[in-house]
């Protein structure tokens, strides 16, 4: 089992920045993919940014050039630096990891006021 704990959400004005963190713990052998998804009110969960199993990064078109994903392998932690936030970035941000199955964190709320 892998546990994922997110932190760093909150309320920010449009144009501001936030940094999310996700720490993985538990029985970790090799996490093949790890990253962030989000779910806005009334919408489906969508990919934001992730490290793929090949080690490359994948971003949603809507966040390219504004968000940056990074990781600390020694700490089994991924980060999401979010700059130039927009009202449409509001939602619950979920950490995701894949190690033989999908694991999800409980989510952290990001609210961007316009």
N, C-alpha and C. Protein backbone atom coordinates (compact mmCIF):
# COMPACT_ATOMS: atom_id res chain seq x y z
N UNK A 1 0.83 -1.19 0.00
CA UNK A 1 0.00 0.00 0.00
C UNK A 1 0.87 1.25 0.00
N UNK A 2 0.42 2.24 -0.73
CA UNK A 2 1.11 3.53 -0.79
C UNK A 2 0.15 4.60 -0.30
N UNK A 3 0.61 5.42 0.60
CA UNK A 3 -0.19 6.54 1.07
C UNK A 3 0.37 7.83 0.47
N UNK A 4 -0.53 8.70 0.06
CA UNK A 4 -0.16 9.99 -0.52
C UNK A 4 -0.80 11.10 0.30
N UNK A 5 0.01 12.05 0.71
CA UNK A 5 -0.50 13.16 1.51
C UNK A 5 -0.12 14.47 0.82
N UNK A 6 -1.16 15.24 0.46
CA UNK A 6 -0.93 16.52 -0.19
C UNK A 6 -0.93 17.65 0.83
N UNK A 7 -0.26 18.73 0.47
CA UNK A 7 -0.29 19.94 1.28
C UNK A 7 -0.02 21.13 0.37
N UNK A 8 -0.37 22.32 0.87
CA UNK A 8 -0.02 23.54 0.16
C UNK A 8 -1.17 24.26 -0.51
N UNK A 9 -2.37 23.69 -0.45
CA UNK A 9 -3.50 24.39 -1.05
C UNK A 9 -3.91 25.60 -0.23
N UNK A 10 -4.84 26.37 -0.78
CA UNK A 10 -5.32 27.54 -0.07
C UNK A 10 -6.01 28.53 -0.98
N UNK A 11 -6.22 29.71 -0.46
CA UNK A 11 -6.87 30.79 -1.20
C UNK A 11 -5.82 31.77 -1.68
N UNK A 12 -5.90 32.12 -2.95
CA UNK A 12 -4.94 33.05 -3.53
C UNK A 12 -5.65 33.92 -4.55
N UNK A 13 -5.18 35.12 -4.73
CA UNK A 13 -5.76 36.00 -5.74
C UNK A 13 -5.24 35.63 -7.12
N UNK A 14 -6.03 35.95 -8.11
CA UNK A 14 -5.60 35.72 -9.49
C UNK A 14 -4.27 36.40 -9.74
N UNK A 15 -3.39 35.68 -10.44
CA UNK A 15 -2.05 36.19 -10.69
C UNK A 15 -1.04 35.75 -9.66
N UNK A 16 -1.51 35.18 -8.56
CA UNK A 16 -0.62 34.73 -7.51
C UNK A 16 -0.05 33.35 -7.75
N UNK A 17 0.65 32.86 -6.74
CA UNK A 17 1.34 31.58 -6.84
C UNK A 17 1.06 30.71 -5.63
N UNK A 18 1.12 29.42 -5.84
CA UNK A 18 1.04 28.44 -4.77
C UNK A 18 1.97 27.29 -5.12
N UNK A 19 2.42 26.59 -4.08
CA UNK A 19 3.23 25.40 -4.30
C UNK A 19 2.61 24.24 -3.54
N UNK A 20 2.27 23.21 -4.27
CA UNK A 20 1.71 22.01 -3.66
C UNK A 20 2.80 20.96 -3.48
N UNK A 21 2.65 20.17 -2.43
CA UNK A 21 3.56 19.07 -2.17
C UNK A 21 2.77 17.79 -1.99
N UNK A 22 3.36 16.68 -2.38
CA UNK A 22 2.76 15.37 -2.18
C UNK A 22 3.85 14.41 -1.75
N UNK A 23 3.70 13.88 -0.55
CA UNK A 23 4.66 12.92 -0.03
C UNK A 23 4.08 11.52 -0.06
N UNK A 24 4.83 10.59 -0.60
CA UNK A 24 4.41 9.19 -0.65
C UNK A 24 5.10 8.42 0.46
N UNK A 25 4.34 7.52 1.07
CA UNK A 25 4.90 6.67 2.11
C UNK A 25 4.26 5.29 2.02
N UNK A 26 4.76 4.38 2.82
CA UNK A 26 4.22 3.03 2.81
C UNK A 26 5.18 2.07 2.15
N UNK A 27 4.61 1.08 1.49
CA UNK A 27 5.42 0.05 0.83
C UNK A 27 5.76 0.51 -0.57
N UNK A 28 6.90 1.11 -0.70
CA UNK A 28 7.32 1.68 -1.97
C UNK A 28 8.47 0.87 -2.54
N UNK A 29 8.26 0.31 -3.72
CA UNK A 29 9.31 -0.39 -4.43
C UNK A 29 9.79 0.46 -5.60
N UNK A 30 8.88 0.74 -6.49
CA UNK A 30 9.20 1.62 -7.62
C UNK A 30 7.91 2.26 -8.11
N UNK A 31 7.76 3.51 -7.80
CA UNK A 31 6.60 4.24 -8.29
C UNK A 31 6.87 4.63 -9.73
N UNK A 32 6.04 4.14 -10.63
CA UNK A 32 6.29 4.34 -12.06
C UNK A 32 5.82 5.68 -12.59
N UNK A 33 4.81 6.24 -11.98
CA UNK A 33 4.31 7.54 -12.42
C UNK A 33 3.77 8.26 -11.19
N UNK A 34 3.96 9.55 -11.18
CA UNK A 34 3.48 10.33 -10.04
C UNK A 34 3.22 11.74 -10.49
N UNK A 35 2.10 12.28 -10.04
CA UNK A 35 1.79 13.64 -10.47
C UNK A 35 0.50 14.16 -9.89
N UNK A 36 -0.09 15.12 -10.61
CA UNK A 36 -1.23 15.87 -10.09
C UNK A 36 -2.40 15.87 -11.07
N UNK A 37 -3.57 15.72 -10.49
CA UNK A 37 -4.82 15.88 -11.21
C UNK A 37 -5.65 16.91 -10.44
N UNK A 38 -6.67 17.42 -11.07
CA UNK A 38 -7.57 18.34 -10.37
C UNK A 38 -9.00 18.12 -10.81
N UNK A 39 -9.90 18.54 -9.94
CA UNK A 39 -11.32 18.44 -10.24
C UNK A 39 -11.99 19.74 -9.84
N UNK A 40 -12.49 20.44 -10.84
CA UNK A 40 -13.21 21.68 -10.60
C UNK A 40 -14.67 21.35 -10.28
N UNK A 41 -15.37 22.25 -9.62
CA UNK A 41 -16.78 22.00 -9.29
C UNK A 41 -17.60 21.69 -10.54
N UNK A 42 -18.31 20.57 -10.51
CA UNK A 42 -19.17 20.19 -11.62
C UNK A 42 -18.45 19.62 -12.82
N UNK A 43 -17.15 19.39 -12.71
CA UNK A 43 -16.38 18.86 -13.83
C UNK A 43 -15.69 17.55 -13.46
N UNK A 44 -15.21 16.86 -14.48
CA UNK A 44 -14.50 15.62 -14.24
C UNK A 44 -13.06 15.90 -13.83
N UNK A 45 -12.48 14.93 -13.18
CA UNK A 45 -11.08 15.03 -12.80
C UNK A 45 -10.23 15.03 -14.07
N UNK A 46 -9.20 15.90 -14.08
CA UNK A 46 -8.36 16.01 -15.25
C UNK A 46 -6.89 16.05 -14.86
N UNK A 47 -6.05 15.63 -15.79
CA UNK A 47 -4.61 15.68 -15.59
C UNK A 47 -4.15 17.13 -15.54
N UNK A 48 -3.26 17.41 -14.60
CA UNK A 48 -2.60 18.72 -14.55
C UNK A 48 -1.15 18.56 -15.01
N UNK A 49 -0.40 17.75 -14.29
CA UNK A 49 1.00 17.54 -14.62
C UNK A 49 1.44 16.24 -13.97
N UNK A 50 2.30 15.52 -14.67
CA UNK A 50 2.75 14.26 -14.11
C UNK A 50 4.11 13.87 -14.66
N UNK A 51 4.83 13.09 -13.89
CA UNK A 51 6.00 12.39 -14.37
C UNK A 51 5.52 11.05 -14.89
N UNK A 52 5.90 10.74 -16.11
CA UNK A 52 5.49 9.47 -16.70
C UNK A 52 6.42 8.35 -16.24
N UNK A 53 6.07 7.13 -16.60
CA UNK A 53 6.91 5.99 -16.24
C UNK A 53 8.28 6.09 -16.88
N UNK A 54 8.40 6.81 -17.98
CA UNK A 54 9.70 6.99 -18.64
C UNK A 54 10.51 8.14 -18.09
N UNK A 55 9.94 8.83 -17.09
CA UNK A 55 10.67 9.92 -16.47
C UNK A 55 10.45 11.28 -17.10
N UNK A 56 9.65 11.31 -18.16
CA UNK A 56 9.37 12.60 -18.78
C UNK A 56 8.18 13.26 -18.08
N UNK A 57 7.94 14.51 -18.40
CA UNK A 57 6.82 15.24 -17.82
C UNK A 57 5.72 15.45 -18.85
N UNK A 58 4.51 15.50 -18.36
CA UNK A 58 3.36 15.70 -19.21
C UNK A 58 2.47 16.73 -18.54
N UNK A 59 2.11 17.78 -19.29
CA UNK A 59 1.30 18.86 -18.75
C UNK A 59 0.01 19.03 -19.55
N UNK A 60 -1.03 19.45 -18.86
CA UNK A 60 -2.23 19.89 -19.55
C UNK A 60 -1.92 21.17 -20.31
N UNK A 61 -2.53 21.32 -21.47
CA UNK A 61 -2.26 22.51 -22.28
C UNK A 61 -2.59 23.79 -21.52
N UNK A 62 -3.60 23.73 -20.68
CA UNK A 62 -4.07 24.93 -19.99
C UNK A 62 -3.10 25.43 -18.93
N UNK A 63 -2.13 24.60 -18.53
CA UNK A 63 -1.21 25.02 -17.47
C UNK A 63 0.24 25.13 -17.94
N UNK A 64 0.49 24.74 -19.18
CA UNK A 64 1.85 24.87 -19.69
C UNK A 64 2.32 26.30 -19.58
N UNK A 65 3.58 26.48 -19.27
CA UNK A 65 4.21 27.80 -19.12
C UNK A 65 3.80 28.51 -17.84
N UNK A 66 2.87 27.93 -17.06
CA UNK A 66 2.51 28.52 -15.77
C UNK A 66 2.81 27.60 -14.59
N UNK A 67 2.65 26.30 -14.79
CA UNK A 67 2.88 25.33 -13.73
C UNK A 67 4.15 24.54 -14.03
N UNK A 68 4.79 24.09 -12.96
CA UNK A 68 5.99 23.28 -13.11
C UNK A 68 5.99 22.16 -12.08
N UNK A 69 6.18 20.94 -12.53
CA UNK A 69 6.25 19.80 -11.63
C UNK A 69 7.70 19.43 -11.39
N UNK A 70 8.01 19.09 -10.16
CA UNK A 70 9.37 18.66 -9.82
C UNK A 70 9.26 17.56 -8.78
N UNK A 71 10.39 16.93 -8.49
CA UNK A 71 10.33 15.83 -7.53
C UNK A 71 11.65 15.71 -6.78
N UNK A 72 11.54 15.11 -5.60
CA UNK A 72 12.69 14.76 -4.78
C UNK A 72 12.59 13.26 -4.55
N UNK A 73 13.35 12.50 -5.32
CA UNK A 73 13.25 11.04 -5.24
C UNK A 73 13.65 10.51 -3.87
N UNK A 74 14.59 11.16 -3.23
CA UNK A 74 15.03 10.70 -1.91
C UNK A 74 13.91 10.81 -0.88
N UNK A 75 13.01 11.75 -1.11
CA UNK A 75 11.90 11.96 -0.17
C UNK A 75 10.59 11.40 -0.71
N UNK A 76 10.63 10.79 -1.89
CA UNK A 76 9.39 10.29 -2.52
C UNK A 76 8.32 11.38 -2.56
N UNK A 77 8.73 12.55 -2.94
CA UNK A 77 7.85 13.72 -2.93
C UNK A 77 7.84 14.40 -4.29
N UNK A 78 6.66 14.80 -4.71
CA UNK A 78 6.54 15.62 -5.91
C UNK A 78 5.95 16.97 -5.51
N UNK A 79 6.30 17.97 -6.29
CA UNK A 79 5.84 19.32 -6.05
C UNK A 79 5.17 19.85 -7.31
N UNK A 80 4.27 20.79 -7.10
CA UNK A 80 3.66 21.49 -8.22
C UNK A 80 3.73 22.98 -7.93
N UNK A 81 4.58 23.66 -8.66
CA UNK A 81 4.68 25.11 -8.54
C UNK A 81 3.69 25.73 -9.51
N UNK A 82 2.75 26.49 -8.97
CA UNK A 82 1.70 27.08 -9.79
C UNK A 82 1.84 28.59 -9.77
N UNK A 83 2.11 29.18 -10.92
CA UNK A 83 2.28 30.62 -11.06
C UNK A 83 1.18 31.19 -11.95
N UNK A 84 1.01 32.48 -11.87
CA UNK A 84 0.01 33.17 -12.71
C UNK A 84 -1.35 32.48 -12.63
N UNK A 85 -1.76 32.20 -11.42
CA UNK A 85 -3.01 31.45 -11.24
C UNK A 85 -4.22 32.22 -11.75
N UNK A 86 -5.16 31.45 -12.29
CA UNK A 86 -6.39 32.01 -12.83
C UNK A 86 -7.57 31.42 -12.07
N UNK A 87 -8.70 32.10 -12.17
CA UNK A 87 -9.90 31.62 -11.49
C UNK A 87 -10.25 30.21 -11.93
N UNK A 88 -9.99 29.89 -13.18
CA UNK A 88 -10.33 28.55 -13.70
C UNK A 88 -9.38 27.46 -13.19
N UNK A 89 -8.36 27.84 -12.45
CA UNK A 89 -7.50 26.83 -11.81
C UNK A 89 -8.09 26.34 -10.49
N UNK A 90 -9.17 26.96 -10.07
CA UNK A 90 -9.82 26.56 -8.81
C UNK A 90 -10.30 25.11 -8.88
N UNK A 91 -10.06 24.39 -7.81
CA UNK A 91 -10.51 23.01 -7.73
C UNK A 91 -9.78 22.26 -6.64
N UNK A 92 -10.12 21.00 -6.52
CA UNK A 92 -9.40 20.12 -5.60
C UNK A 92 -8.28 19.43 -6.39
N UNK A 93 -7.09 19.55 -5.88
CA UNK A 93 -5.92 18.98 -6.54
C UNK A 93 -5.56 17.67 -5.84
N UNK A 94 -5.48 16.62 -6.64
CA UNK A 94 -5.20 15.29 -6.12
C UNK A 94 -3.82 14.81 -6.58
N UNK A 95 -3.11 14.23 -5.66
CA UNK A 95 -1.87 13.58 -5.99
C UNK A 95 -2.18 12.16 -6.46
N UNK A 96 -1.47 11.71 -7.46
CA UNK A 96 -1.66 10.37 -8.01
C UNK A 96 -0.30 9.68 -8.14
N UNK A 97 -0.30 8.40 -7.86
CA UNK A 97 0.90 7.59 -8.06
C UNK A 97 0.48 6.22 -8.58
N UNK A 98 1.35 5.62 -9.39
CA UNK A 98 1.08 4.29 -9.91
C UNK A 98 2.21 3.36 -9.53
N UNK A 99 1.88 2.34 -8.76
CA UNK A 99 2.81 1.26 -8.44
C UNK A 99 1.97 0.00 -8.46
N UNK A 100 1.91 -0.62 -9.60
CA UNK A 100 1.10 -1.82 -9.87
C UNK A 100 -0.40 -1.53 -9.84
N UNK A 101 -0.79 -0.45 -9.22
CA UNK A 101 -2.18 0.01 -9.22
C UNK A 101 -2.17 1.51 -8.98
N UNK A 102 -3.32 2.13 -9.12
CA UNK A 102 -3.41 3.57 -8.91
C UNK A 102 -3.64 3.89 -7.44
N UNK A 103 -2.95 4.91 -6.98
CA UNK A 103 -3.14 5.44 -5.64
C UNK A 103 -3.46 6.92 -5.75
N UNK A 104 -4.34 7.39 -4.85
CA UNK A 104 -4.77 8.78 -4.84
C UNK A 104 -4.68 9.35 -3.44
N UNK A 105 -4.31 10.61 -3.36
CA UNK A 105 -4.40 11.31 -2.10
C UNK A 105 -5.82 11.80 -1.87
N UNK A 106 -6.05 12.42 -0.72
CA UNK A 106 -7.39 12.89 -0.39
C UNK A 106 -7.69 14.23 -1.04
N UNK A 107 -6.68 14.90 -1.52
CA UNK A 107 -6.89 16.16 -2.23
C UNK A 107 -6.64 17.38 -1.36
N UNK A 108 -6.27 18.46 -2.01
CA UNK A 108 -6.09 19.75 -1.33
C UNK A 108 -6.78 20.82 -2.19
N UNK A 109 -7.54 21.67 -1.53
CA UNK A 109 -8.35 22.65 -2.24
C UNK A 109 -7.53 23.89 -2.59
N UNK A 110 -7.63 24.27 -3.85
CA UNK A 110 -7.03 25.51 -4.33
C UNK A 110 -8.16 26.41 -4.81
N UNK A 111 -8.22 27.61 -4.24
CA UNK A 111 -9.25 28.57 -4.63
C UNK A 111 -8.56 29.84 -5.11
N UNK A 112 -8.86 30.21 -6.34
CA UNK A 112 -8.27 31.41 -6.93
C UNK A 112 -9.38 32.43 -7.10
N UNK A 113 -9.25 33.54 -6.40
CA UNK A 113 -10.27 34.59 -6.48
C UNK A 113 -9.92 35.56 -7.60
N UNK A 114 -10.94 35.99 -8.31
CA UNK A 114 -10.70 36.89 -9.45
C UNK A 114 -10.94 38.34 -9.09
